[in-house]
Amino acid sequence: MALKTRQQIRDEFAASGVPYSAWARQRGYSPNMVIAIVNDDDRNPA
């Protein structure tokens, strides 16, 4: 499976209508952590 860019992830969330925080809670992740990772700019790759 290929890794996705942050922009691809943001686009998929926008298309699905599922908030980052809801996705994170359903999977046992910190919503703040998920939001920080997805919204981090590409100048600072994770």
C-alpha atoms as a PDB file:
ATOM      1  CA  MET A   1       0.000   0.000   0.000  1.00  0.00           C
ATOM      2  CA  ALA A   2       1.369   3.419  -0.972  1.00  0.00           C
ATOM      3  CA  LEU A   3       1.631   6.193   1.583  1.00  0.00           C
ATOM      4  CA  LYS A   4      -0.732   9.109   1.107  1.00  0.00           C
ATOM      5  CA  THR A   5       0.178  12.767   1.271  1.00  0.00           C
ATOM      6  CA  ARG A   6      -1.339  14.997   3.904  1.00  0.00           C
ATOM      7  CA  GLN A   7      -3.289  16.733   1.154  1.00  0.00           C
ATOM      8  CA  GLN A   8      -4.763  13.406  -0.001  1.00  0.00           C
ATOM      9  CA  ILE A   9      -5.840  12.663   3.570  1.00  0.00           C
ATOM     10  CA  ARG A  10      -7.389  16.131   3.972  1.00  0.00           C
ATOM     11  CA  ASP A  11      -9.250  15.674   0.670  1.00  0.00           C
ATOM     12  CA  GLU A  12     -10.583  12.261   1.745  1.00  0.00           C
ATOM     13  CA  PHE A  13     -11.816  13.628   5.075  1.00  0.00           C
ATOM     14  CA  ALA A  14     -13.468  16.582   3.306  1.00  0.00           C
ATOM     15  CA  ALA A  15     -15.208  14.250   0.854  1.00  0.00           C
ATOM     16  CA  SER A  16     -16.397  11.873   3.574  1.00  0.00           C
ATOM     17  CA  GLY A  17     -17.665  14.548   5.953  1.00  0.00           C
ATOM     18  CA  VAL A  18     -16.172  12.714   8.945  1.00  0.00           C
ATOM     19  CA  PRO A  19     -14.441  15.093  11.372  1.00  0.00           C
ATOM     20  CA  TYR A  20     -10.850  14.281  12.321  1.00  0.00           C
ATOM     21  CA  SER A  21     -11.843  14.216  15.984  1.00  0.00           C
ATOM     22  CA  ALA A  22     -14.604  11.640  15.463  1.00  0.00           C
ATOM     23  CA  TRP A  23     -12.309   9.424  13.374  1.00  0.00           C
ATOM     24  CA  ALA A  24      -9.609   9.651  16.041  1.00  0.00           C
ATOM     25  CA  ARG A  25     -11.922   8.844  18.979  1.00  0.00           C
ATOM     26  CA  GLN A  26     -13.404   5.829  17.187  1.00  0.00           C
ATOM     27  CA  ARG A  27      -9.892   4.414  16.817  1.00  0.00           C
ATOM     28  CA  GLY A  28      -8.526   5.319  20.247  1.00  0.00           C
ATOM     29  CA  TYR A  29      -6.269   8.172  19.099  1.00  0.00           C
ATOM     30  CA  SER A  30      -5.977  11.633  20.553  1.00  0.00           C
ATOM     31  CA  PRO A  31      -7.994  14.012  18.368  1.00  0.00           C
ATOM     32  CA  ASN A  32      -5.420  16.754  18.949  1.00  0.00           C
ATOM     33  CA  MET A  33      -2.618  14.468  17.779  1.00  0.00           C
ATOM     34  CA  VAL A  34      -4.468  13.484  14.592  1.00  0.00           C
ATOM     35  CA  ILE A  35      -5.363  17.089  13.805  1.00  0.00           C
ATOM     36  CA  ALA A  36      -1.766  18.194  14.375  1.00  0.00           C
ATOM     37  CA  ILE A  37      -0.394  15.487  12.098  1.00  0.00           C
ATOM     38  CA  VAL A  38      -2.877  15.995   9.279  1.00  0.00           C
ATOM     39  CA  ASN A  39      -2.610  19.787   9.381  1.00  0.00           C
ATOM     40  CA  ASP A  40       1.178  19.936   9.722  1.00  0.00           C
ATOM     41  CA  ASP A  41       2.599  21.606   6.640  1.00  0.00           C
ATOM     42  CA  ASP A  42       4.743  19.629   4.220  1.00  0.00           C
ATOM     43  CA  ARG A  43       7.858  21.666   5.008  1.00  0.00           C
ATOM     44  CA  ASN A  44       8.117  19.604   8.207  1.00  0.00           C
ATOM     45  CA  PRO A  45       7.566  15.991   7.057  1.00  0.00           C
ATOM     46  CA  ALA A  46       6.538  13.518   9.727  1.00  0.00           C
END
